[in-house]
Amino acid sequence: MPALRVRGLEKRYGDVEVLRGIDLDVERGEFLALLGPSGCGKTTSLRVIAGFERPHAGSIEIGGDRVCDAAAAGGRWVPPEGRRVGMVFQDYALFPHLSVARNIAFGLPRHAANREDRVTSALATVGLAGLGERTPDQLSGGQQQRVALARALAPEPQVILLDEPFSNLDADLRASVREDVRQILREAGMTAVLVTHDQEEALSIADRVAVMLDGKIVQVGSPEELYHRPASRTIADFIGDVQFLPGEAMGRRAKTVLGEIPLHGTFDGAVDVMLRPEMLRLSPVGAPEQHEGTPATIVSRAFFGHDQLLTLQLDSGQMLKARLGAYGGFRPGDHVLVSVRGGALAYPHEQ
């Protein structure tokens, strides 16, 4: 039984369809990222699952209990406090006048016998033991994020929902805090759903990623699967840097300006071959170790420290991008030979 099961979820605001038949399973202990651009419906999905919004159609099960069923007689509906769901908001939603400990205790039953123990345990879980008497303004942004997480964990929910929780952090802090949060949730054995528009964030910390576009979930898979095997050209365009090369497919190969490229799958006729920048291999013209390839000229170079992105122009006029490691002496104006590493995906040609 999945920790979270969503079927046929629909939500409208007036005549605008925001959710259009959402189906989603999240396994126990899994970290799933719901990835999509602004306005695609991902935050609305989270709010409906949490019980803050009512759907027009569909059902939701949390920990095997049906908490929402629009088709049931009278429309079954369990309010947020009865769903055993923890929520971490984008702005943390901490009470500035309350101590850290009282912020965490806010979501617990007022007369629970073990209230203080659960607050202490939640603080220890997120690495903030001993800081319970401080107020939120005495903490760093990363520590405030941990308080919000501790408050969500204290009631021992079935599922944690995180709505763009790292977007308010500085870029330098964001990567370390999200990895800390991921580790905390993993050690707690917690099921979590993260909403984000940040592809790097989703691909780097999630066990699986659900891509959401225009109110629908269009593909669910591991980060590797989504990056290397997007189910459509639209998804490929959305995830990572990508370029498409026109070609003529014959079975498992396609003729292109870069020569014949092996394909993952069988195609016939006009196709667009998907090439990630890191799939291109370059060698200097005239070098002893040069590989066979198509002549090109380097137009520009962007150096990022850990890697570099080169813009190339083939003799045919086609522009391509190649991503290389940090080392390599290529410069604008250099003449190179371009070839493709391994096979590639292809999609029906778009005019």
Protein backbone atom coordinates (compact mmCIF):
# COMPACT_ATOMS: atom_id res chain seq x y z
CA MET A 1 0.00 0.00 0.00
CA PRO A 2 1.55 3.33 -1.03
CA ALA A 3 1.91 6.02 1.63
CA LEU A 4 0.04 8.37 -0.70
CA ARG A 5 -2.32 7.46 -3.52
CA VAL A 6 -4.04 10.09 -5.69
CA ARG A 7 -6.53 9.22 -8.41
CA GLY A 8 -8.28 11.43 -10.95
CA LEU A 9 -7.75 14.69 -9.08
CA GLU A 10 -9.43 17.68 -10.75
CA LYS A 11 -9.59 21.27 -9.59
CA ARG A 12 -11.05 24.37 -11.24
CA TYR A 13 -11.11 28.04 -10.43
CA GLY A 14 -14.10 29.34 -12.37
CA ASP A 15 -13.64 28.20 -15.94
CA VAL A 16 -9.90 27.59 -15.51
CA GLU A 17 -8.85 23.95 -15.13
CA VAL A 18 -5.86 23.87 -12.77
CA LEU A 19 -5.67 20.10 -12.17
CA ARG A 20 -6.72 17.76 -14.97
CA GLY A 21 -6.87 14.17 -13.80
CA ILE A 22 -3.86 13.82 -11.50
CA ASP A 23 -2.79 10.22 -10.72
CA LEU A 24 0.12 9.70 -8.35
CA ASP A 25 1.51 6.97 -6.06
CA VAL A 26 4.23 7.69 -3.49
CA GLU A 27 5.76 4.66 -1.78
CA ARG A 28 6.53 4.50 1.93
CA GLY A 29 9.88 6.11 2.73
CA GLU A 30 10.14 7.58 -0.77
CA PHE A 31 11.20 11.15 -1.57
CA LEU A 32 9.25 12.29 -4.63
CA ALA A 33 9.68 15.67 -6.35
CA LEU A 34 6.76 17.24 -8.19
CA LEU A 35 8.56 19.30 -10.82
CA GLY A 36 7.01 21.85 -13.14
CA PRO A 37 7.04 25.48 -14.28
CA SER A 38 5.13 28.25 -12.50
CA GLY A 39 1.38 27.97 -13.00
CA CYS A 40 1.32 24.26 -13.88
CA GLY A 41 -0.74 23.30 -10.78
CA LYS A 42 1.89 21.68 -8.58
CA THR A 43 1.28 23.82 -5.46
CA THR A 44 -2.49 23.41 -5.90
CA SER A 45 -1.92 19.63 -5.95
CA LEU A 46 -0.07 19.86 -2.65
CA ARG A 47 -2.78 22.02 -1.06
CA VAL A 48 -5.51 19.60 -2.14
CA ILE A 49 -3.54 16.63 -0.74
CA ALA A 50 -3.02 18.51 2.54
CA GLY A 51 -6.73 19.34 2.75
CA PHE A 52 -6.47 23.11 2.36
CA GLU A 53 -8.47 22.99 -0.89
CA ARG A 54 -11.34 20.76 -2.03
CA PRO A 55 -11.09 19.08 -5.46
CA HIS A 56 -13.97 18.89 -7.91
CA ALA A 57 -13.19 15.24 -8.68
CA GLY A 58 -10.87 12.47 -7.57
CA SER A 59 -9.78 10.63 -4.44
CA ILE A 60 -6.85 10.71 -2.01
CA GLU A 61 -5.59 7.95 0.29
CA ILE A 62 -2.94 8.62 2.95
CA GLY A 63 -1.47 5.63 4.79
CA GLY A 64 -4.28 3.47 3.41
CA ASP A 65 -7.04 5.76 4.75
CA ARG A 66 -9.30 7.48 2.23
CA VAL A 67 -9.29 11.15 3.26
CA CYS A 68 -11.00 12.54 0.16
CA ASP A 69 -13.43 11.07 -2.37
CA ALA A 70 -15.43 13.51 -4.43
CA ALA A 71 -17.50 10.66 -5.92
CA ALA A 72 -18.61 9.26 -2.53
CA ALA A 73 -22.09 9.98 -1.27
CA GLY A 74 -21.97 13.45 0.19
CA GLY A 75 -18.32 13.75 -0.87
CA ARG A 76 -15.97 12.21 1.72
CA TRP A 77 -13.72 14.90 3.18
CA VAL A 78 -11.28 14.69 6.11
CA PRO A 79 -10.02 18.12 7.26
CA PRO A 80 -6.26 18.87 7.33
CA GLU A 81 -5.84 18.14 11.05
CA GLY A 82 -7.19 14.62 10.55
CA ARG A 83 -4.94 13.62 7.63
CA ARG A 84 -1.63 12.96 9.41
CA VAL A 85 0.20 15.20 6.94
CA GLY A 86 3.08 17.53 7.81
CA MET A 87 3.50 20.71 5.77
CA VAL A 88 6.63 22.82 5.25
CA PHE A 89 5.75 26.13 3.62
CA GLN A 90 7.83 28.28 1.29
CA ASP A 91 8.12 31.08 3.88
CA TYR A 92 8.38 28.59 6.81
CA ALA A 93 5.29 30.22 8.49
CA LEU A 94 7.02 30.39 11.89
CA PHE A 95 5.47 32.51 14.65
CA PRO A 96 8.04 35.25 15.40
CA HIS A 97 6.76 35.88 18.97
CA LEU A 98 7.04 32.20 19.98
CA SER A 99 10.17 30.29 20.92
CA VAL A 100 11.48 27.54 18.69
CA ALA A 101 10.09 24.91 21.08
CA ARG A 102 6.64 26.51 21.14
CA ASN A 103 6.63 26.80 17.36
CA ILE A 104 7.27 23.07 17.13
CA ALA A 105 4.67 22.27 19.79
CA PHE A 106 2.01 24.30 17.97
CA GLY A 107 0.92 21.37 15.81
CA LEU A 108 0.71 18.87 18.70
CA PRO A 109 -2.40 18.09 20.74
CA ARG A 110 -2.49 20.60 23.61
CA HIS A 111 -2.93 18.02 26.33
CA ALA A 112 -0.67 15.29 24.92
CA ALA A 113 1.21 13.60 27.77
CA ASN A 114 4.49 13.37 25.86
CA ARG A 115 4.34 16.83 24.29
CA GLU A 116 7.69 18.03 25.62
CA ASP A 117 9.40 14.76 24.73
CA ARG A 118 8.18 15.00 21.15
CA VAL A 119 9.43 18.58 20.84
CA THR A 120 12.82 17.57 22.24
CA SER A 121 12.99 14.58 19.90
CA ALA A 122 12.06 16.69 16.85
CA LEU A 123 14.75 19.25 17.72
CA ALA A 124 17.34 16.49 18.03
CA THR A 125 16.22 14.93 14.75
CA VAL A 126 16.88 18.17 12.83
CA GLY A 127 20.14 18.92 14.66
CA LEU A 128 18.88 21.83 16.79
CA ALA A 129 19.07 20.26 20.25
CA GLY A 130 19.46 22.95 22.94
CA LEU A 131 18.06 25.79 20.80
CA GLY A 132 14.43 25.44 21.87
CA GLU A 133 14.31 28.71 23.84
CA ARG A 134 15.54 30.90 21.00
CA THR A 135 13.15 32.85 18.81
CA PRO A 136 13.14 32.50 15.01
CA ASP A 137 14.88 35.86 14.50
CA GLN A 138 17.86 34.52 16.46
CA LEU A 139 18.39 31.74 13.91
CA SER A 140 19.94 31.63 10.45
CA GLY A 141 17.82 30.92 7.38
CA GLY A 142 19.00 27.33 7.33
CA GLN A 143 18.14 26.86 11.02
CA GLN A 144 14.67 28.35 10.48
CA GLN A 145 14.18 25.82 7.71
CA ARG A 146 15.04 23.05 10.19
CA VAL A 147 12.54 24.43 12.73
CA ALA A 148 9.80 24.32 10.08
CA LEU A 149 10.78 20.73 9.32
CA ALA A 150 10.83 19.80 13.02
CA ARG A 151 7.33 21.25 13.44
CA ALA A 152 6.11 19.10 10.54
CA LEU A 153 7.80 15.98 11.95
CA ALA A 154 6.66 16.35 15.59
CA PRO A 155 3.09 15.02 15.07
CA GLU A 156 4.59 11.89 13.45
CA PRO A 157 2.76 12.27 10.12
CA GLN A 158 2.40 9.67 7.38
CA VAL A 159 3.62 12.12 4.72
CA ILE A 160 5.62 15.36 4.69
CA LEU A 161 4.69 17.91 2.01
CA LEU A 162 7.28 20.57 1.12
CA ASP A 163 6.23 23.59 -0.96
CA GLU A 164 9.29 25.23 -2.61
CA PRO A 165 11.02 25.11 0.81
CA PHE A 166 14.48 26.24 -0.32
CA SER A 167 13.58 29.14 -2.60
CA ASN A 168 14.13 31.80 0.09
CA LEU A 169 17.68 30.67 0.85
CA ASP A 170 20.83 32.15 -0.66
CA ALA A 171 22.29 30.10 -3.51
CA ASP A 172 25.37 29.17 -1.44
CA LEU A 173 23.20 27.84 1.39
CA ARG A 174 20.49 26.20 -0.70
CA ALA A 175 22.45 23.13 -1.82
CA SER A 176 23.73 22.26 1.66
CA VAL A 177 20.36 22.80 3.38
CA ARG A 178 18.42 20.68 0.90
CA GLU A 179 20.93 17.84 1.31
CA ASP A 180 20.60 18.16 5.10
CA VAL A 181 16.81 18.03 4.85
CA ARG A 182 17.02 15.01 2.54
CA GLN A 183 19.29 13.19 5.00
CA ILE A 184 17.04 14.01 7.95
CA LEU A 185 13.98 12.65 6.15
CA ARG A 186 15.86 9.55 5.02
CA GLU A 187 17.05 8.76 8.55
CA ALA A 188 13.52 9.30 9.87
CA GLY A 189 12.16 6.89 7.23
CA MET A 190 9.72 9.62 6.20
CA THR A 191 7.68 9.75 3.00
CA ALA A 192 8.00 13.19 1.40
CA VAL A 193 6.64 15.10 -1.58
CA LEU A 194 8.61 18.17 -2.66
CA VAL A 195 7.14 20.79 -4.99
CA THR A 196 9.75 22.68 -6.98
CA HIS A 197 10.36 24.43 -10.30
CA ASP A 198 14.13 23.91 -9.92
CA GLN A 199 15.29 21.02 -12.11
CA GLU A 200 18.67 20.70 -10.41
CA GLU A 201 16.95 20.50 -7.03
CA ALA A 202 14.52 17.81 -8.15
CA LEU A 203 17.09 15.68 -9.98
CA SER A 204 19.71 15.89 -7.22
CA ILE A 205 17.72 14.86 -4.14
CA ALA A 206 14.59 12.96 -5.22
CA ASP A 207 14.21 9.19 -5.54
CA ARG A 208 11.66 9.79 -8.29
CA VAL A 209 10.47 12.88 -10.12
CA ALA A 210 6.94 13.55 -11.41
CA VAL A 211 6.96 16.12 -14.21
CA MET A 212 3.87 18.30 -14.27
CA LEU A 213 2.86 20.42 -17.25
CA ASP A 214 -0.41 22.28 -17.79
CA GLY A 215 -2.26 20.60 -14.94
CA LYS A 216 -1.22 17.04 -15.81
CA ILE A 217 1.53 14.68 -14.68
CA VAL A 218 3.20 13.77 -17.97
CA GLN A 219 6.01 11.46 -16.78
CA VAL A 220 7.17 9.85 -13.53
CA GLY A 221 10.57 8.20 -13.22
CA SER A 222 13.99 8.23 -11.66
CA PRO A 223 16.11 11.35 -12.20
CA GLU A 224 18.31 9.38 -14.60
CA GLU A 225 15.33 8.13 -16.60
CA LEU A 226 13.80 11.59 -16.96
CA TYR A 227 17.09 13.15 -18.02
CA HIS A 228 18.21 10.47 -20.46
CA ARG A 229 14.83 9.10 -21.64
CA PRO A 230 12.21 11.90 -21.59
CA ALA A 231 8.90 10.53 -22.89
CA SER A 232 8.27 13.45 -25.24
CA ARG A 233 10.07 16.31 -26.90
CA THR A 234 8.18 18.74 -24.63
CA ILE A 235 9.56 17.02 -21.52
CA ALA A 236 13.05 16.91 -23.05
CA ASP A 237 12.82 20.66 -23.69
CA PHE A 238 11.88 21.27 -20.06
CA ILE A 239 14.57 19.19 -18.35
CA GLY A 240 18.20 20.23 -18.70
CA ASP A 241 20.05 21.71 -21.67
CA VAL A 242 19.00 20.08 -24.90
CA GLN A 243 19.29 20.61 -28.65
CA PHE A 244 17.62 18.85 -31.57
CA LEU A 245 19.28 17.87 -34.82
CA PRO A 246 17.13 17.14 -37.89
CA GLY A 247 17.73 13.71 -39.37
CA GLU A 248 16.38 10.94 -41.55
CA ALA A 249 15.85 7.72 -39.62
CA MET A 250 16.19 4.21 -41.02
CA GLY A 251 15.53 1.70 -38.27
CA ARG A 252 17.94 2.26 -35.41
CA ARG A 253 20.12 4.88 -37.11
CA ALA A 254 19.58 8.44 -38.32
CA LYS A 255 21.52 10.39 -40.95
CA THR A 256 22.37 13.90 -39.75
CA VAL A 257 24.91 16.65 -40.44
CA LEU A 258 27.02 14.95 -37.75
CA GLY A 259 26.95 11.67 -39.66
CA GLU A 260 24.96 8.57 -38.76
CA ILE A 261 23.85 8.52 -35.11
CA PRO A 262 22.69 5.28 -33.40
CA LEU A 263 19.18 5.60 -31.96
CA HIS A 264 17.50 4.21 -28.84
CA GLY A 265 14.48 2.72 -30.54
CA THR A 266 13.35 2.17 -34.12
CA PHE A 267 12.20 5.03 -36.34
CA ASP A 268 11.54 5.70 -40.01
CA GLY A 269 11.40 9.03 -41.79
CA ALA A 270 12.06 12.57 -40.60
CA VAL A 271 13.10 12.85 -36.93
CA ASP A 272 14.64 15.31 -34.51
CA VAL A 273 17.57 13.74 -32.68
CA MET A 274 17.97 14.83 -29.04
CA LEU A 275 21.53 15.78 -28.08
CA ARG A 276 22.60 16.88 -24.63
CA PRO A 277 25.68 19.16 -24.75
CA GLU A 278 27.76 16.57 -22.88
CA MET A 279 27.07 14.02 -25.64
CA LEU A 280 29.28 15.91 -28.09
CA ARG A 281 32.97 15.03 -28.39
CA LEU A 282 35.48 17.53 -29.78
CA SER A 283 39.00 17.11 -31.08
CA PRO A 284 41.30 19.76 -32.56
CA VAL A 285 41.74 19.66 -36.33
CA GLY A 286 45.17 18.28 -37.15
CA ALA A 287 45.88 16.89 -33.67
CA PRO A 288 47.60 13.46 -33.56
CA GLU A 289 44.71 12.02 -31.51
CA GLN A 290 41.91 13.62 -33.51
CA HIS A 291 38.70 11.63 -33.93
CA GLU A 292 36.59 11.40 -37.03
CA GLY A 293 33.91 14.05 -37.05
CA THR A 294 32.22 16.98 -38.68
CA PRO A 295 34.19 20.25 -39.07
CA ALA A 296 33.08 23.15 -36.85
CA THR A 297 34.36 26.42 -35.45
CA ILE A 298 34.13 27.43 -31.80
CA VAL A 299 32.11 30.64 -31.56
CA SER A 300 32.08 31.26 -27.80
CA ARG A 301 33.10 29.71 -24.48
CA ALA A 302 31.54 30.02 -21.02
CA PHE A 303 33.72 28.69 -18.17
CA PHE A 304 31.96 27.65 -14.94
CA GLY A 305 34.86 26.16 -12.97
CA HIS A 306 33.57 22.58 -12.77
CA ASP A 307 32.85 22.53 -16.52
CA GLN A 308 32.64 24.71 -19.63
CA LEU A 309 30.03 25.27 -22.33
CA LEU A 310 31.17 25.83 -25.89
CA THR A 311 29.03 27.19 -28.73
CA LEU A 312 29.95 25.72 -32.11
CA GLN A 313 29.03 26.51 -35.69
CA LEU A 314 29.16 23.70 -38.19
CA ASP A 315 30.25 24.44 -41.74
CA SER A 316 26.58 23.94 -42.68
CA GLY A 317 25.66 26.87 -40.42
CA GLN A 318 24.03 24.72 -37.70
CA MET A 319 24.74 25.99 -34.16
CA LEU A 320 25.38 23.46 -31.37
CA LYS A 321 26.50 23.52 -27.75
CA ALA A 322 29.07 21.15 -26.23
CA ARG A 323 29.78 20.72 -22.51
CA LEU A 324 33.29 19.65 -21.57
CA GLY A 325 35.20 19.21 -18.32
CA ALA A 326 37.07 22.04 -16.69
CA TYR A 327 40.31 21.24 -18.50
CA GLY A 328 40.87 21.75 -22.20
CA GLY A 329 42.46 24.43 -24.32
CA PHE A 330 39.63 25.19 -26.74
CA ARG A 331 39.08 28.87 -27.48
CA PRO A 332 36.79 30.90 -29.77
CA GLY A 333 38.01 30.68 -33.34
CA ASP A 334 39.47 27.18 -32.97
CA HIS A 335 38.61 24.62 -35.66
CA VAL A 336 37.47 21.28 -34.30
CA LEU A 337 35.87 18.01 -35.36
CA VAL A 338 32.54 17.15 -33.70
CA SER A 339 31.16 13.66 -33.11
CA VAL A 340 28.49 12.10 -30.88
CA ARG A 341 29.17 9.79 -27.94
CA GLY A 342 26.92 6.73 -27.92
CA GLY A 343 23.30 6.60 -29.03
CA ALA A 344 20.55 9.19 -28.86
CA LEU A 345 16.79 9.54 -28.55
CA ALA A 346 14.71 10.74 -31.48
CA TYR A 347 11.25 12.26 -31.82
CA PRO A 348 9.04 12.80 -34.87
CA HIS A 349 10.26 15.87 -36.74
CA GLU A 350 8.55 19.16 -35.90
CA GLN A 351 8.22 21.74 -38.65
